[in-house]
Amino acid sequence: MIDGYSVKYTMKEYFKLQYKITSRRFKDNGVEPLLAFIILTLCFFGLSIYLFRKTEFAEYIYILSALTLIGNLSEIRRTEFLKICFDDVKMKKIRVTENITYTLPFLFFLLYKETYLSAFLLLLLTTILALVNFRTTLNFTIWTPFSNRPFEFTIGFRNTFFLFFAAYTLSIIAVSFDNFNLGLFSILLVFMTILSFYTKPENEYFVWIYNLKPKEFLFSKIKTALLFSSSLALPIVIFLAIFYHQQIGLLLLIFLISLAFLIFIVVLKYSVFPNEINLIQGIYLALCICFPPLLFVFIPYLFIQSQNRLNNFLK
């Protein structure tokens, strides 16, 4: 039995360790932690201001982005590690603390914009996600149509399938209440969810087993990403096009730009493989979100970088 003082000290050491790991990642990429914090803060608030000026659905995008961010903290191996190190009460305290810490910037900005209901909803969902392990409630394997091309879509779809149901539901609501912008958001929700599939690198073995050259491997990954993402997003695009045929041009533009971002995130992932996407790559993404034509510059550049990286794993 661990006494109160020991548990407090242990939790303190855990958070100190997380801080050191994060700082080391920045230093490994040639960026001082303090400078990284300043850059990330400026980029975050800059993008937040831009988002709230451009769309009336900024609150919902904000909540979704925050929940996607903290979703990585609920990774099952990580949760099992915490269960080994801490009793149930202390583990939940750590999870709540982590989740709230990650969502604080989102909460502060929502409060600044006086969207109090959205801020409360985000805080509530953040706490619930920390206290409830939804994966342990499922004692069956969810079927996916992507099993013939395993990894990103198979794992990603099983972890986020409810978001696709939410997107399809939103598209129906959009048509029912004649809200075209909500329909556009449902398309973006599908692609934002798919983009999250590529935020974590797979084990090196799952690249090494491919009997392909780096260029062929990248084209294969891009082809798979485009094919499977289209199969998930096109039903919504077609459904909206039937009821908003005068907006078909805009629907196709959003769809094509989303596919371009998907290609970007694939080559971005392998440009630093086997490491995770870091601050520099995050800045690339932020720049492309602010000015999408930059995708035509970054995609070829990152494709070459990815080839060089994969040369160490594929021959």
Protein backbone atom coordinates (compact mmCIF):
# COMPACT_ATOMS: atom_id res chain seq x y z
CA MET A 1 0.00 0.00 0.00
CA ILE A 2 1.44 3.38 -1.01
CA ASP A 3 0.98 6.17 1.48
CA GLY A 4 -0.33 9.62 0.48
CA TYR A 5 3.10 11.26 0.36
CA SER A 6 4.61 8.54 -1.81
CA VAL A 7 1.76 8.62 -4.29
CA LYS A 8 2.00 12.38 -4.59
CA TYR A 9 5.73 12.16 -5.16
CA THR A 10 5.29 9.38 -7.72
CA MET A 11 2.72 11.40 -9.67
CA LYS A 12 5.04 14.39 -9.57
CA GLU A 13 7.86 12.30 -10.95
CA TYR A 14 5.59 11.00 -13.71
CA PHE A 15 4.77 14.51 -14.92
CA LYS A 16 8.42 15.53 -14.65
CA LEU A 17 9.31 12.55 -16.83
CA GLN A 18 6.71 13.56 -19.43
CA TYR A 19 8.13 17.08 -19.46
CA LYS A 20 11.67 15.76 -19.97
CA ILE A 21 10.54 13.46 -22.80
CA THR A 22 8.78 16.34 -24.57
CA SER A 23 11.76 18.67 -24.10
CA ARG A 24 14.13 16.02 -25.43
CA ARG A 25 12.01 15.56 -28.56
CA PHE A 26 12.25 19.27 -29.32
CA LYS A 27 16.01 19.30 -28.68
CA ASP A 28 16.50 16.23 -30.87
CA ASN A 29 14.93 18.25 -33.68
CA GLY A 30 17.22 21.22 -33.05
CA VAL A 31 14.61 23.42 -31.34
CA GLU A 32 14.89 24.79 -27.80
CA PRO A 33 11.79 23.88 -25.72
CA LEU A 34 11.11 27.53 -24.76
CA LEU A 35 11.31 28.65 -28.40
CA ALA A 36 9.08 25.74 -29.43
CA PHE A 37 6.51 26.75 -26.81
CA ILE A 38 6.48 30.35 -28.08
CA ILE A 39 6.15 29.27 -31.73
CA LEU A 40 3.38 26.78 -30.96
CA THR A 41 1.49 29.37 -28.90
CA LEU A 42 1.67 31.98 -31.67
CA CYS A 43 0.66 29.46 -34.34
CA PHE A 44 -2.20 28.15 -32.22
CA PHE A 45 -3.77 31.52 -31.52
CA GLY A 46 -3.10 32.72 -35.08
CA LEU A 47 -4.89 29.69 -36.54
CA SER A 48 -7.68 30.02 -33.98
CA ILE A 49 -8.36 33.62 -34.94
CA TYR A 50 -8.27 32.69 -38.63
CA LEU A 51 -10.66 29.77 -38.09
CA PHE A 52 -13.25 31.78 -36.16
CA ARG A 53 -13.20 34.49 -38.82
CA LYS A 54 -13.66 32.05 -41.70
CA THR A 55 -16.42 29.69 -40.57
CA GLU A 56 -19.46 29.71 -38.31
CA PHE A 57 -18.68 26.13 -37.35
CA ALA A 58 -15.36 27.02 -35.74
CA GLU A 59 -16.61 25.97 -32.30
CA TYR A 60 -17.37 22.44 -33.48
CA ILE A 61 -14.09 22.14 -35.38
CA TYR A 62 -12.36 23.35 -32.22
CA ILE A 63 -14.00 20.73 -30.03
CA LEU A 64 -13.26 17.98 -32.56
CA SER A 65 -9.61 19.07 -32.85
CA ALA A 66 -9.16 19.06 -29.08
CA LEU A 67 -10.75 15.63 -28.70
CA THR A 68 -8.60 14.26 -31.53
CA LEU A 69 -5.52 15.64 -29.78
CA ILE A 70 -6.28 14.03 -26.43
CA GLY A 71 -7.36 10.82 -28.15
CA ASN A 72 -3.69 9.85 -28.43
CA LEU A 73 -3.47 9.93 -24.63
CA SER A 74 -6.02 7.09 -24.45
CA GLU A 75 -3.87 4.68 -26.46
CA ILE A 76 -4.44 1.29 -24.89
CA ARG A 77 -0.77 0.38 -24.27
CA ARG A 78 -0.28 3.72 -22.55
CA THR A 79 -3.34 3.14 -20.37
CA GLU A 80 -2.12 -0.34 -19.43
CA PHE A 81 1.26 1.15 -18.44
CA LEU A 82 -0.48 3.64 -16.12
CA LYS A 83 -2.53 0.82 -14.58
CA ILE A 84 0.67 -1.01 -13.71
CA CYS A 85 2.28 2.05 -12.14
CA PHE A 86 -0.70 3.51 -10.27
CA ASP A 87 -3.85 2.41 -8.52
CA ASP A 88 -7.15 3.14 -10.23
CA VAL A 89 -7.89 6.42 -8.43
CA LYS A 90 -4.46 7.91 -9.04
CA MET A 91 -4.43 6.75 -12.65
CA LYS A 92 -7.71 8.54 -13.32
CA LYS A 93 -6.38 11.69 -11.63
CA ILE A 94 -3.38 11.59 -13.96
CA ARG A 95 -5.59 11.05 -17.01
CA VAL A 96 -7.91 13.93 -16.07
CA THR A 97 -4.94 16.22 -15.41
CA GLU A 98 -3.32 15.32 -18.73
CA ASN A 99 -6.51 15.76 -20.74
CA ILE A 100 -7.36 19.12 -19.19
CA THR A 101 -3.78 20.34 -19.63
CA TYR A 102 -3.87 19.50 -23.34
CA THR A 103 -7.24 21.20 -23.83
CA LEU A 104 -6.51 24.34 -21.78
CA PRO A 105 -5.51 26.45 -24.84
CA PHE A 106 -8.78 25.45 -26.55
CA LEU A 107 -10.79 26.19 -23.41
CA PHE A 108 -9.16 29.61 -22.91
CA PHE A 109 -9.85 30.63 -26.50
CA LEU A 110 -13.47 29.44 -26.35
CA LEU A 111 -13.94 31.49 -23.18
CA TYR A 112 -12.29 34.46 -24.86
CA LYS A 113 -14.82 34.16 -27.70
CA GLU A 114 -17.58 33.93 -25.06
CA THR A 115 -18.74 30.54 -26.35
CA TYR A 116 -19.37 29.29 -22.83
CA LEU A 117 -21.57 26.34 -23.78
CA SER A 118 -18.91 24.96 -26.15
CA ALA A 119 -16.23 25.44 -23.47
CA PHE A 120 -18.34 23.59 -20.92
CA LEU A 121 -19.07 20.78 -23.41
CA LEU A 122 -15.37 20.41 -24.22
CA LEU A 123 -14.45 20.29 -20.52
CA LEU A 124 -17.15 17.70 -19.87
CA LEU A 125 -16.11 15.47 -22.79
CA THR A 126 -12.45 15.83 -21.85
CA THR A 127 -13.17 14.61 -18.33
CA ILE A 128 -15.38 11.75 -19.51
CA LEU A 129 -12.73 10.52 -21.95
CA ALA A 130 -10.23 10.45 -19.09
CA LEU A 131 -12.49 8.52 -16.73
CA VAL A 132 -13.99 6.02 -19.15
CA ASN A 133 -12.02 3.52 -21.19
CA PHE A 134 -14.42 2.90 -24.08
CA ARG A 135 -12.18 0.27 -25.67
CA THR A 136 -12.46 -2.03 -22.70
CA THR A 137 -16.26 -2.08 -23.11
CA LEU A 138 -15.98 -3.69 -26.53
CA ASN A 139 -15.45 -7.44 -26.43
CA PHE A 140 -15.69 -7.94 -30.17
CA THR A 141 -13.67 -6.93 -33.20
CA ILE A 142 -15.29 -4.33 -35.42
CA TRP A 143 -15.35 -5.40 -39.06
CA THR A 144 -13.74 -3.00 -41.52
CA PRO A 145 -13.68 -3.01 -45.34
CA PHE A 146 -9.96 -2.23 -45.26
CA SER A 147 -8.46 -5.51 -44.06
CA ASN A 148 -6.73 -6.25 -47.36
CA ARG A 149 -4.50 -3.18 -46.81
CA PRO A 150 -3.77 -3.26 -43.08
CA PHE A 151 -2.50 -0.70 -40.63
CA GLU A 152 -3.65 2.93 -40.91
CA PHE A 153 -7.24 2.45 -42.04
CA THR A 154 -7.88 -0.84 -40.27
CA ILE A 155 -6.69 0.43 -36.88
CA GLY A 156 -7.88 4.00 -37.40
CA PHE A 157 -11.39 3.03 -38.48
CA ARG A 158 -11.89 0.70 -35.53
CA ASN A 159 -10.85 3.44 -33.09
CA THR A 160 -12.93 6.23 -34.67
CA PHE A 161 -15.85 4.52 -36.43
CA PHE A 162 -18.36 6.53 -34.38
CA LEU A 163 -17.04 9.77 -35.94
CA PHE A 164 -17.97 8.52 -39.42
CA PHE A 165 -21.48 7.74 -38.22
CA ALA A 166 -21.58 11.26 -36.77
CA ALA A 167 -20.46 12.72 -40.12
CA TYR A 168 -23.15 10.84 -42.06
CA THR A 169 -25.76 11.93 -39.52
CA LEU A 170 -24.66 15.56 -39.82
CA SER A 171 -25.00 15.40 -43.62
CA ILE A 172 -28.60 14.19 -43.24
CA ILE A 173 -29.32 16.95 -40.71
CA ALA A 174 -27.74 19.49 -43.09
CA VAL A 175 -30.16 18.53 -45.87
CA SER A 176 -33.14 18.30 -43.51
CA PHE A 177 -32.58 21.82 -42.17
CA ASP A 178 -31.22 23.23 -45.46
CA ASN A 179 -27.83 24.05 -43.94
CA PHE A 180 -25.22 23.59 -46.66
CA ASN A 181 -22.34 24.72 -44.42
CA LEU A 182 -23.11 21.92 -41.98
CA GLY A 183 -22.88 19.51 -44.92
CA LEU A 184 -19.43 20.86 -45.77
CA PHE A 185 -18.42 20.37 -42.16
CA SER A 186 -19.50 16.71 -42.33
CA ILE A 187 -17.08 16.20 -45.26
CA LEU A 188 -14.29 17.91 -43.34
CA LEU A 189 -15.06 15.75 -40.29
CA VAL A 190 -14.46 12.62 -42.38
CA PHE A 191 -11.12 13.88 -43.69
CA MET A 192 -9.94 15.28 -40.34
CA THR A 193 -10.61 11.86 -38.82
CA ILE A 194 -8.71 10.11 -41.63
CA LEU A 195 -5.77 12.52 -41.29
CA SER A 196 -5.48 11.47 -37.63
CA PHE A 197 -4.75 7.90 -38.84
CA TYR A 198 -1.34 9.08 -40.06
CA THR A 199 -0.14 10.95 -36.97
CA LYS A 200 1.60 7.91 -35.49
CA PRO A 201 4.34 5.93 -37.29
CA GLU A 202 4.02 2.18 -37.54
CA ASN A 203 6.68 -0.23 -36.38
CA GLU A 204 9.66 -0.30 -38.74
CA TYR A 205 8.93 -3.97 -39.47
CA PHE A 206 5.64 -3.03 -41.19
CA VAL A 207 7.62 -0.98 -43.69
CA TRP A 208 10.53 -3.37 -44.08
CA ILE A 209 8.23 -6.28 -45.12
CA TYR A 210 7.27 -4.47 -48.34
CA ASN A 211 9.23 -5.71 -51.33
CA LEU A 212 9.13 -2.27 -52.97
CA LYS A 213 11.42 0.62 -53.71
CA PRO A 214 10.76 3.82 -51.71
CA LYS A 215 8.98 5.57 -54.59
CA GLU A 216 6.77 2.55 -55.25
CA PHE A 217 6.02 2.23 -51.52
CA LEU A 218 4.95 5.90 -51.28
CA PHE A 219 2.77 5.66 -54.37
CA SER A 220 1.16 2.53 -52.92
CA LYS A 221 0.45 4.30 -49.61
CA ILE A 222 -0.94 7.36 -51.38
CA LYS A 223 -3.12 5.21 -53.65
CA THR A 224 -4.52 3.33 -50.64
CA ALA A 225 -5.16 6.56 -48.76
CA LEU A 226 -6.98 8.15 -51.71
CA LEU A 227 -9.04 5.04 -52.48
CA PHE A 228 -10.20 4.31 -48.93
CA SER A 229 -10.79 7.95 -47.97
CA SER A 230 -12.86 8.44 -51.13
CA SER A 231 -14.97 5.42 -50.24
CA LEU A 232 -15.76 7.06 -46.89
CA ALA A 233 -16.26 10.65 -48.08
CA LEU A 234 -17.86 10.28 -51.53
CA PRO A 235 -21.25 9.06 -50.18
CA ILE A 236 -21.61 12.39 -48.35
CA VAL A 237 -20.38 14.40 -51.36
CA ILE A 238 -22.84 12.64 -53.69
CA PHE A 239 -25.68 12.94 -51.18
CA LEU A 240 -25.13 16.70 -50.82
CA ALA A 241 -24.69 17.14 -54.58
CA ILE A 242 -28.16 15.66 -55.16
CA PHE A 243 -29.81 18.29 -52.98
CA TYR A 244 -27.39 21.16 -53.69
CA HIS A 245 -26.62 20.63 -57.38
CA GLN A 246 -25.87 24.35 -57.76
CA GLN A 247 -22.99 23.87 -55.30
CA ILE A 248 -21.38 20.87 -57.04
CA GLY A 249 -18.34 22.94 -57.99
CA LEU A 250 -17.68 23.91 -54.37
CA LEU A 251 -18.25 20.34 -53.17
CA LEU A 252 -15.71 18.99 -55.68
CA LEU A 253 -13.21 21.70 -54.73
CA ILE A 254 -13.48 20.85 -51.01
CA PHE A 255 -13.18 17.15 -51.84
CA LEU A 256 -10.08 17.62 -54.02
CA ILE A 257 -8.37 19.94 -51.52
CA SER A 258 -9.03 17.38 -48.78
CA LEU A 259 -7.44 14.66 -50.92
CA ALA A 260 -4.42 16.94 -51.47
CA PHE A 261 -4.08 17.36 -47.70
CA LEU A 262 -4.25 13.58 -47.36
CA ILE A 263 -1.34 13.15 -49.81
CA PHE A 264 0.51 15.83 -47.87
CA ILE A 265 0.06 14.07 -44.51
CA VAL A 266 1.21 10.72 -45.97
CA VAL A 267 4.49 12.12 -47.30
CA LEU A 268 4.83 14.25 -44.16
CA LYS A 269 4.64 11.12 -42.01
CA TYR A 270 7.34 9.26 -43.94
CA SER A 271 9.58 12.32 -44.26
CA VAL A 272 10.52 11.81 -40.58
CA PHE A 273 9.95 8.05 -40.32
CA PRO A 274 10.44 6.21 -37.96
CA ASN A 275 10.09 9.31 -35.75
CA GLU A 276 6.81 11.05 -35.03
CA ILE A 277 5.74 14.27 -36.74
CA ASN A 278 7.45 17.11 -34.88
CA LEU A 279 7.28 20.89 -34.56
CA ILE A 280 8.82 21.69 -37.93
CA GLN A 281 6.39 19.43 -39.78
CA GLY A 282 3.55 20.90 -37.71
CA ILE A 283 4.52 24.35 -38.99
CA TYR A 284 4.41 23.03 -42.57
CA LEU A 285 0.87 21.82 -41.94
CA ALA A 286 -0.18 25.12 -40.36
CA LEU A 287 1.18 27.06 -43.36
CA CYS A 288 -0.72 24.84 -45.80
CA ILE A 289 -3.95 25.27 -43.83
CA CYS A 290 -3.55 29.05 -44.00
CA PHE A 291 -2.56 28.99 -47.70
CA PRO A 292 -3.52 25.68 -49.44
CA PRO A 293 -1.59 26.45 -52.70
CA LEU A 294 1.58 25.76 -50.67
CA LEU A 295 0.63 22.09 -50.94
CA PHE A 296 2.05 22.15 -54.49
CA VAL A 297 5.40 23.15 -52.99
CA PHE A 298 5.51 20.97 -49.89
CA ILE A 299 4.21 17.71 -51.37
CA PRO A 300 7.09 17.27 -53.90
CA TYR A 301 9.63 18.44 -51.30
CA LEU A 302 8.39 16.04 -48.63
CA PHE A 303 8.06 13.22 -51.17
CA ILE A 304 11.81 13.47 -51.86
CA GLN A 305 12.56 13.61 -48.13
CA SER A 306 10.39 10.53 -47.60
CA GLN A 307 12.26 8.62 -50.30
CA ASN A 308 15.57 9.42 -48.60
CA ARG A 309 14.22 8.28 -45.23
CA LEU A 310 12.77 5.05 -46.60
CA ASN A 311 16.02 4.13 -48.33
CA ASN A 312 17.15 2.85 -44.93
CA PHE A 313 14.26 0.39 -44.76
CA LEU A 314 13.45 -0.48 -48.37
CA LYS A 315 15.86 -1.62 -51.06
